[in-house]
Amino acid sequence: MNIPNKLTVSRMLLTPLFLALIMADIKHNFWLSLVVFAVAALTDFADGKLARKYDEVTVFGQLVDPVADKMLTTAALLSFLHYGLCNVWIVLIILTREFAVTSIRLIASAQGIVIPANIWGKLKTVCQMVFSLLIIFLAGLDSNYTVFKEYTPISLAFLSHILLWITAILAVVSGLVYALQSKNYIDYSK
């Protein structure tokens, strides 16, 4: 297994640690989970960059990297839902997109085709990870310093919902683009 693929697997292994930390009833749970999420998100940036730079792009990486991303971002959404920082409809929209794209990838794989992620999917993932980092950071600030209760006219939940609705919209757009592009690769009559 090459280094990019090891980074992808490490992201999968960091995901339950992230979720356990953010959900733990311990002091500084948001700060600890922020560090783990940031490290995991950095592996996503590094694995693709290294794979392209050293010509180590593999079918494993093309198929498993998006699954690792989905695991990490879904764990964040579930924790946000738990803390009232995310609407259940946002989770449904994003997960529906993920299942649809994964289904297309499975159909393509059965036909011996690998459809790589497009720019819209990458943009959705980057926004979702950056927004998740920001929400976790702000939750940590609010948890330790009650920033949103004392110093701002808006709530953390309101801000979080705005950011996550942007992600949901990007998820729909990227999913539609992926489905339309898949028609160039896949024979759906089989």
Protein backbone atom coordinates (compact mmCIF):
# COMPACT_ATOMS: atom_id res chain seq x y z
CA MET A 1 0.00 0.00 0.00
CA ASN A 2 1.49 3.35 -1.02
CA ILE A 3 1.68 6.44 1.22
CA PRO A 4 -1.35 8.23 -0.30
CA ASN A 5 -3.50 5.15 0.34
CA LYS A 6 -2.14 4.86 3.90
CA LEU A 7 -3.17 8.49 4.47
CA THR A 8 -6.66 7.68 3.19
CA VAL A 9 -6.93 4.72 5.57
CA SER A 10 -5.62 6.86 8.44
CA ARG A 11 -8.48 9.33 7.79
CA MET A 12 -10.91 6.44 8.15
CA LEU A 13 -9.29 5.44 11.44
CA LEU A 14 -9.28 9.02 12.76
CA THR A 15 -13.01 9.42 12.14
CA PRO A 16 -14.28 7.37 15.12
CA LEU A 17 -11.68 9.06 17.34
CA PHE A 18 -12.98 12.45 16.21
CA LEU A 19 -16.58 11.46 16.90
CA ALA A 20 -15.73 9.99 20.30
CA LEU A 21 -13.89 13.16 21.33
CA ILE A 22 -16.50 15.65 20.15
CA MET A 23 -19.27 13.67 21.84
CA ALA A 24 -17.32 13.07 25.06
CA ASP A 25 -18.45 14.83 28.18
CA ILE A 26 -14.96 16.09 28.94
CA LYS A 27 -13.36 19.47 29.25
CA HIS A 28 -12.11 20.87 25.93
CA ASN A 29 -13.84 18.18 23.87
CA PHE A 30 -14.30 20.64 20.99
CA TRP A 31 -10.63 21.65 20.96
CA LEU A 32 -9.44 18.03 21.06
CA SER A 33 -11.84 16.97 18.33
CA LEU A 34 -10.84 20.04 16.28
CA VAL A 35 -7.21 18.86 16.25
CA VAL A 36 -8.20 15.35 15.17
CA PHE A 37 -10.57 16.66 12.47
CA ALA A 38 -7.89 19.05 11.18
CA VAL A 39 -5.30 16.26 10.96
CA ALA A 40 -7.80 14.02 9.17
CA ALA A 41 -8.75 16.83 6.76
CA LEU A 42 -5.07 17.44 6.02
CA THR A 43 -4.66 13.79 5.04
CA ASP A 44 -7.32 14.38 2.38
CA PHE A 45 -5.30 17.24 0.94
CA ALA A 46 -2.02 15.34 1.20
CA ASP A 47 -3.09 11.97 -0.20
CA GLY A 48 -4.31 13.36 -3.51
CA LYS A 49 -1.38 15.73 -3.88
CA LEU A 50 1.17 12.98 -3.21
CA ALA A 51 -0.61 10.48 -5.47
CA ARG A 52 -0.53 12.91 -8.39
CA LYS A 53 3.00 14.19 -7.73
CA TYR A 54 4.57 10.73 -7.55
CA ASP A 55 2.24 9.13 -10.11
CA GLU A 56 0.77 6.81 -7.49
CA VAL A 57 -2.90 7.25 -8.36
CA THR A 58 -4.58 3.89 -7.78
CA VAL A 59 -8.07 2.47 -8.24
CA PHE A 60 -8.09 1.87 -4.47
CA GLY A 61 -7.38 5.55 -3.84
CA GLN A 62 -9.94 6.76 -6.37
CA LEU A 63 -12.65 4.60 -4.81
CA VAL A 64 -11.75 4.67 -1.11
CA ASP A 65 -10.69 8.33 -0.78
CA PRO A 66 -14.26 9.61 -1.29
CA VAL A 67 -15.53 7.02 1.22
CA ALA A 68 -13.02 8.26 3.81
CA ASP A 69 -14.18 11.84 3.14
CA LYS A 70 -17.81 10.81 3.58
CA MET A 71 -17.03 9.05 6.84
CA LEU A 72 -15.32 12.11 8.30
CA THR A 73 -17.84 14.69 7.13
CA THR A 74 -20.81 12.51 8.14
CA ALA A 75 -19.35 12.12 11.62
CA ALA A 76 -19.16 15.91 11.86
CA LEU A 77 -22.76 16.29 10.67
CA LEU A 78 -23.97 13.74 13.22
CA SER A 79 -22.19 15.55 16.04
CA PHE A 80 -23.61 18.89 14.87
CA LEU A 81 -27.07 17.36 14.79
CA HIS A 82 -26.55 16.16 18.36
CA TYR A 83 -25.59 19.67 19.52
CA GLY A 84 -28.43 21.40 17.65
CA LEU A 85 -26.02 22.94 15.15
CA CYS A 86 -27.44 21.17 12.12
CA ASN A 87 -30.89 20.57 10.71
CA VAL A 88 -31.92 16.98 9.93
CA TRP A 89 -32.85 18.06 6.38
CA ILE A 90 -29.28 19.14 5.75
CA VAL A 91 -28.08 15.69 6.79
CA LEU A 92 -30.69 14.01 4.57
CA ILE A 93 -29.77 16.12 1.53
CA ILE A 94 -26.05 15.55 1.93
CA LEU A 95 -26.36 11.82 2.64
CA THR A 96 -28.77 11.33 -0.27
CA ARG A 97 -26.21 12.94 -2.57
CA GLU A 98 -23.46 10.73 -1.15
CA PHE A 99 -25.51 7.54 -1.62
CA ALA A 100 -26.47 8.56 -5.16
CA VAL A 101 -22.88 9.30 -6.18
CA THR A 102 -21.66 6.09 -4.53
CA SER A 103 -24.32 4.14 -6.44
CA ILE A 104 -23.13 5.66 -9.71
CA ARG A 105 -19.56 4.75 -8.80
CA LEU A 106 -20.61 1.15 -8.08
CA ILE A 107 -22.41 0.89 -11.43
CA ALA A 108 -19.34 2.27 -13.17
CA SER A 109 -17.06 -0.10 -11.26
CA ALA A 110 -19.20 -3.07 -12.32
CA GLN A 111 -18.56 -1.98 -15.91
CA GLY A 112 -14.82 -1.68 -15.27
CA ILE A 113 -14.87 2.12 -15.20
CA VAL A 114 -13.58 4.47 -12.50
CA ILE A 115 -15.16 7.91 -12.57
CA PRO A 116 -12.95 10.34 -10.65
CA ALA A 117 -14.37 13.15 -8.56
CA ASN A 118 -15.10 16.36 -10.44
CA ILE A 119 -14.31 19.92 -9.37
CA TRP A 120 -17.82 20.40 -7.91
CA GLY A 121 -17.44 17.36 -5.69
CA LYS A 122 -14.04 18.56 -4.55
CA LEU A 123 -15.44 22.05 -3.85
CA LYS A 124 -18.29 20.53 -1.84
CA THR A 125 -15.84 18.45 0.20
CA VAL A 126 -13.45 21.36 0.83
CA CYS A 127 -16.32 23.64 1.90
CA GLN A 128 -17.79 20.96 4.11
CA MET A 129 -14.46 20.32 5.82
CA VAL A 130 -13.58 24.02 6.21
CA PHE A 131 -17.07 24.85 7.49
CA SER A 132 -16.92 21.89 9.88
CA LEU A 133 -13.58 23.09 11.23
CA LEU A 134 -15.01 26.58 11.68
CA ILE A 135 -18.13 25.29 13.45
CA ILE A 136 -16.06 23.10 15.80
CA PHE A 137 -13.73 26.03 16.51
CA LEU A 138 -16.64 28.36 17.25
CA ALA A 139 -18.32 25.70 19.41
CA GLY A 140 -15.08 25.46 21.38
CA LEU A 141 -15.01 29.23 21.82
CA ASP A 142 -18.63 29.29 22.87
CA SER A 143 -18.20 26.34 25.22
CA ASN A 144 -15.26 27.96 27.02
CA TYR A 145 -16.02 31.67 26.71
CA THR A 146 -19.77 31.91 25.91
CA VAL A 147 -18.87 34.06 22.90
CA PHE A 148 -22.24 33.73 21.20
CA LYS A 149 -24.30 34.22 24.32
CA GLU A 150 -22.55 37.42 25.43
CA TYR A 151 -20.84 39.11 22.50
CA THR A 152 -22.76 38.51 19.27
CA PRO A 153 -26.32 39.21 18.10
CA ILE A 154 -26.53 35.85 16.32
CA SER A 155 -26.38 32.35 17.73
CA LEU A 156 -23.87 29.66 16.90
CA ALA A 157 -26.72 27.45 15.71
CA PHE A 158 -27.89 30.14 13.25
CA LEU A 159 -24.39 30.61 11.81
CA SER A 160 -23.81 26.86 11.66
CA HIS A 161 -27.08 26.33 9.80
CA ILE A 162 -26.16 28.95 7.20
CA LEU A 163 -22.78 27.33 6.55
CA LEU A 164 -24.25 23.84 6.38
CA TRP A 165 -27.08 24.91 4.04
CA ILE A 166 -24.39 26.25 1.70
CA THR A 167 -22.77 22.82 1.86
CA ALA A 168 -26.13 21.13 1.17
CA ILE A 169 -26.66 23.29 -1.91
CA LEU A 170 -23.16 22.46 -3.14
CA ALA A 171 -23.92 18.78 -2.49
CA VAL A 172 -26.99 18.92 -4.72
CA VAL A 173 -25.16 20.80 -7.49
CA SER A 174 -22.13 18.50 -7.39
CA GLY A 175 -24.34 15.41 -7.31
CA LEU A 176 -26.32 16.56 -10.34
CA VAL A 177 -23.14 17.40 -12.26
CA TYR A 178 -21.69 13.98 -11.38
CA ALA A 179 -24.87 12.19 -12.49
CA LEU A 180 -24.94 14.10 -15.77
CA GLN A 181 -21.25 13.47 -16.43
CA SER A 182 -21.65 9.77 -15.65
CA LYS A 183 -23.76 9.39 -18.79
CA ASN A 184 -20.53 9.90 -20.78
CA TYR A 185 -18.94 6.87 -19.07
CA ILE A 186 -21.67 4.44 -18.10
CA ASP A 187 -24.04 2.37 -20.18
CA TYR A 188 -27.17 2.53 -18.00
CA SER A 189 -28.95 -0.04 -20.19
CA LYS A 190 -26.78 -2.88 -18.80
